[in-house]
Amino acid sequence: MLIAGAGGHALEVKEELERINSSFRFVFFDETGPQSNFPLADYPVISQVEDLILHLNTSPEFVLGLGKPEIRERFMGLFEGMGGSYFPLHARTSQISPTAAGDFDALSFSFVGPSTHIGRGTLINSRAHVHHQVQVGDFCEIGPGALLLGAVKIGKKCRIGAGAILLPGVILGDEVVVGAGAVVAKNIGSKITVAGVPARPLKNS
């Protein structure tokens, strides 16, 4: 299984995959080589596009081992453009409603409730909760322990910080950043960074 990225998040993805299927053989891809916090010297790390093409020709499935929305989107396009096939990772301990729709990653102990739609390539991180009728755009990052309550709608490439809470019915535009621990009680336009309790726009956003 090819994992995009060779840093800390890629390690978490690898362990989740091992819990699903202990027979997976792992290869990592990072354009700059393994990051300093990547201790798995026994695993191959591809850094050249030519080697990536060769690998995808023989084993097309890949997972996204990175968190940032813009990088997830770029790597998805790169790999699929070379014939790769995205493998949405659903951890064994994640709880995903049968009526939840979308191709997304859900890490350990995450919850995705009924009648939700999660955008393609979005990451629902460990212990994050996405409740009923929530809509999440493509390539978002929902941080560990974040809570999206009923009927929340967020646009594409948003980043919701660890432990943040979006109250019922809140609407966020595209590329919104919500700081860790923030409580969002009002609608937020696109390309705005908010933080605090209650969440307010930062002056430089």
Protein backbone atom coordinates (compact mmCIF):
# COMPACT_ATOMS: atom_id res chain seq x y z
CA MET A 1 0.00 0.00 0.00
CA LEU A 2 1.37 3.38 -1.01
CA ILE A 3 1.10 6.12 1.65
CA ALA A 4 1.39 9.74 0.53
CA GLY A 5 3.69 11.44 3.02
CA ALA A 6 6.55 10.38 5.25
CA GLY A 7 5.88 12.25 8.49
CA GLY A 8 3.96 11.83 11.71
CA HIS A 9 0.48 11.55 10.21
CA ALA A 10 1.73 8.91 7.77
CA LEU A 11 2.82 6.80 10.75
CA GLU A 12 -0.68 6.95 12.23
CA VAL A 13 -2.19 5.99 8.88
CA LYS A 14 0.21 3.04 8.58
CA GLU A 15 -0.81 1.67 11.99
CA GLU A 16 -4.52 2.03 11.19
CA LEU A 17 -3.97 0.11 7.96
CA GLU A 18 -2.11 -2.64 9.81
CA ARG A 19 -5.12 -3.09 12.08
CA ILE A 20 -7.30 -3.55 9.00
CA ASN A 21 -4.94 -5.91 7.19
CA SER A 22 -1.68 -7.05 8.76
CA SER A 23 -0.40 -8.29 5.39
CA PHE A 24 -0.11 -4.83 3.80
CA ARG A 25 3.34 -4.00 2.44
CA PHE A 26 4.04 -0.28 2.76
CA VAL A 27 5.81 2.22 0.53
CA PHE A 28 5.85 5.94 1.33
CA PHE A 29 6.06 8.89 -1.04
CA ASP A 30 7.47 12.29 -0.13
CA GLU A 31 8.98 14.67 -2.67
CA THR A 32 11.67 15.76 -0.19
CA GLY A 33 12.34 12.36 1.33
CA PRO A 34 11.40 11.22 4.86
CA GLN A 35 10.79 13.94 7.46
CA SER A 36 12.87 14.18 10.63
CA ASN A 37 10.09 12.59 12.73
CA PHE A 38 9.86 9.55 10.47
CA PRO A 39 11.59 6.64 12.25
CA LEU A 40 10.74 3.77 9.89
CA ALA A 41 14.06 3.34 8.13
CA ASP A 42 13.15 -0.20 7.06
CA TYR A 43 10.38 1.02 4.73
CA PRO A 44 11.09 2.40 1.25
CA VAL A 45 10.43 6.10 0.70
CA ILE A 46 9.93 7.18 -2.92
CA SER A 47 10.87 10.76 -3.76
CA GLN A 48 11.13 10.69 -7.56
CA VAL A 49 8.09 10.97 -9.82
CA GLU A 50 9.52 8.33 -12.15
CA ASP A 51 9.62 5.80 -9.31
CA LEU A 52 6.11 6.79 -8.28
CA ILE A 53 4.80 6.06 -11.78
CA LEU A 54 6.46 2.63 -11.78
CA HIS A 55 4.96 1.79 -8.40
CA LEU A 56 1.43 2.87 -9.33
CA ASN A 57 1.60 0.83 -12.53
CA THR A 58 1.98 -2.34 -10.48
CA SER A 59 0.09 -1.40 -7.30
CA PRO A 60 -2.34 1.48 -7.88
CA GLU A 61 -3.99 1.81 -4.44
CA PHE A 62 -2.87 4.70 -2.23
CA VAL A 63 -3.88 6.44 0.99
CA LEU A 64 -3.30 10.04 2.04
CA GLY A 65 -0.88 10.31 4.96
CA LEU A 66 -0.93 14.09 5.24
CA GLY A 67 -3.29 16.49 6.96
CA LYS A 68 -3.13 19.86 5.20
CA PRO A 69 -6.05 20.28 2.75
CA GLU A 70 -4.07 21.82 -0.10
CA ILE A 71 -1.46 19.03 0.03
CA ARG A 72 -4.12 16.31 0.23
CA GLU A 73 -5.77 17.79 -2.86
CA ARG A 74 -2.49 18.09 -4.76
CA PHE A 75 -1.35 14.54 -3.98
CA MET A 76 -4.78 13.13 -4.84
CA GLY A 77 -4.60 14.79 -8.26
CA LEU A 78 -1.00 13.72 -8.80
CA PHE A 79 -1.56 10.06 -7.92
CA GLU A 80 -4.86 9.69 -9.78
CA GLY A 81 -3.34 11.39 -12.81
CA MET A 82 -0.79 8.57 -12.85
CA GLY A 83 -3.43 5.85 -12.63
CA GLY A 84 -3.62 5.59 -8.85
CA SER A 85 -6.76 4.57 -6.97
CA TYR A 86 -7.66 6.34 -3.71
CA PHE A 87 -8.29 4.03 -0.74
CA PRO A 88 -10.57 5.79 1.80
CA LEU A 89 -9.26 4.75 5.22
CA HIS A 90 -11.90 3.88 7.82
CA ALA A 91 -10.27 2.84 11.09
CA ARG A 92 -11.61 -0.30 12.75
CA THR A 93 -12.63 1.77 15.78
CA SER A 94 -14.38 4.50 13.77
CA GLN A 95 -18.17 4.55 13.88
CA ILE A 96 -19.66 5.51 10.53
CA SER A 97 -23.38 5.54 9.84
CA PRO A 98 -24.55 3.40 6.91
CA THR A 99 -26.31 6.50 5.59
CA ALA A 100 -23.11 8.60 5.60
CA ALA A 101 -21.96 9.38 2.05
CA GLY A 102 -18.56 10.22 0.60
CA ASP A 103 -15.00 9.00 0.09
CA PHE A 104 -13.10 10.20 3.14
CA ASP A 105 -10.65 9.10 5.82
CA ALA A 106 -11.88 8.44 9.37
CA LEU A 107 -9.23 7.72 11.99
CA SER A 108 -9.46 5.97 15.35
CA PHE A 109 -12.60 6.46 17.46
CA SER A 110 -14.08 9.03 15.08
CA PHE A 111 -17.85 9.26 14.63
CA VAL A 112 -19.76 10.12 11.45
CA GLY A 113 -23.51 10.27 11.97
CA PRO A 114 -26.57 9.62 9.82
CA SER A 115 -27.47 11.52 6.65
CA THR A 116 -24.07 13.18 6.51
CA HIS A 117 -22.12 13.96 3.36
CA ILE A 118 -18.35 14.14 3.71
CA GLY A 119 -16.37 15.55 0.79
CA ARG A 120 -13.84 13.61 -1.17
CA GLY A 121 -10.40 13.35 0.40
CA THR A 122 -11.52 14.90 3.68
CA LEU A 123 -9.82 13.77 6.90
CA ILE A 124 -11.90 13.07 10.02
CA ASN A 125 -9.15 12.79 12.61
CA SER A 126 -9.02 10.74 15.81
CA ARG A 127 -12.04 11.15 18.12
CA ALA A 128 -13.61 13.84 15.94
CA HIS A 129 -17.42 13.71 15.85
CA VAL A 130 -19.51 14.68 12.82
CA HIS A 131 -23.18 14.56 13.76
CA HIS A 132 -26.41 14.10 11.81
CA GLN A 133 -27.03 15.90 8.52
CA VAL A 134 -23.65 17.63 8.49
CA GLN A 135 -22.18 18.51 5.09
CA VAL A 136 -18.40 18.82 4.71
CA GLY A 137 -16.67 19.94 1.52
CA ASP A 138 -13.79 18.26 -0.30
CA PHE A 139 -10.30 18.06 1.21
CA CYS A 140 -11.14 19.39 4.64
CA GLU A 141 -9.22 18.55 7.80
CA ILE A 142 -11.35 17.93 10.91
CA GLY A 143 -8.89 17.93 13.80
CA PRO A 144 -8.66 15.46 16.68
CA GLY A 145 -11.58 15.73 19.07
CA ALA A 146 -13.40 18.37 17.02
CA LEU A 147 -17.19 18.37 17.22
CA LEU A 148 -19.48 19.27 14.31
CA LEU A 149 -23.05 19.31 15.60
CA GLY A 150 -26.26 18.72 13.68
CA ALA A 151 -26.78 20.28 10.23
CA VAL A 152 -23.46 22.13 10.17
CA LYS A 153 -22.26 22.93 6.64
CA ILE A 154 -18.66 23.70 5.79
CA GLY A 155 -17.07 24.42 2.43
CA LYS A 156 -14.03 22.91 0.77
CA LYS A 157 -10.47 22.90 2.13
CA CYS A 158 -11.44 24.02 5.62
CA ARG A 159 -9.29 23.27 8.67
CA ILE A 160 -11.10 22.66 11.95
CA GLY A 161 -8.65 22.68 14.87
CA ALA A 162 -8.36 20.08 17.60
CA GLY A 163 -11.22 20.24 20.10
CA ALA A 164 -13.11 22.95 18.21
CA ILE A 165 -16.92 22.94 18.39
CA LEU A 166 -19.27 24.05 15.60
CA LEU A 167 -22.75 24.60 17.00
CA PRO A 168 -25.88 23.28 15.23
CA GLY A 169 -26.68 24.80 11.85
CA VAL A 170 -23.49 26.87 11.54
CA ILE A 171 -22.31 27.45 7.95
CA LEU A 172 -18.66 28.00 6.99
CA GLY A 173 -17.42 29.08 3.56
CA ASP A 174 -14.44 27.64 1.70
CA GLU A 175 -10.90 27.59 3.15
CA VAL A 176 -11.95 28.61 6.64
CA VAL A 177 -9.53 27.93 9.51
CA VAL A 178 -11.00 27.36 12.98
CA GLY A 179 -8.49 27.51 15.83
CA ALA A 180 -8.06 24.72 18.34
CA GLY A 181 -10.68 24.80 21.09
CA ALA A 182 -12.78 27.49 19.41
CA VAL A 183 -16.56 27.49 19.66
CA VAL A 184 -18.21 28.66 16.44
CA ALA A 185 -21.73 29.97 17.01
CA LYS A 186 -22.22 32.13 13.88
CA ASN A 187 -21.80 31.68 10.13
CA ILE A 188 -18.33 32.43 8.75
CA GLY A 189 -17.48 33.58 5.21
CA SER A 190 -14.75 32.11 3.02
CA LYS A 191 -10.99 32.40 3.65
CA ILE A 192 -11.36 33.63 7.22
CA THR A 193 -9.46 32.42 10.30
CA VAL A 194 -11.38 32.39 13.58
CA ALA A 195 -10.38 31.54 17.13
CA GLY A 196 -11.64 31.86 20.69
CA VAL A 197 -14.83 31.32 22.67
CA PRO A 198 -16.99 32.44 21.02
CA ALA A 199 -14.96 32.29 17.81
CA ARG A 200 -14.12 35.62 16.21
CA PRO A 201 -12.11 36.49 13.07
CA LEU A 202 -8.44 37.18 13.62
CA LYS A 203 -7.33 40.65 12.56
CA ASN A 204 -4.94 39.43 9.86
CA SER A 205 -7.39 37.00 8.21
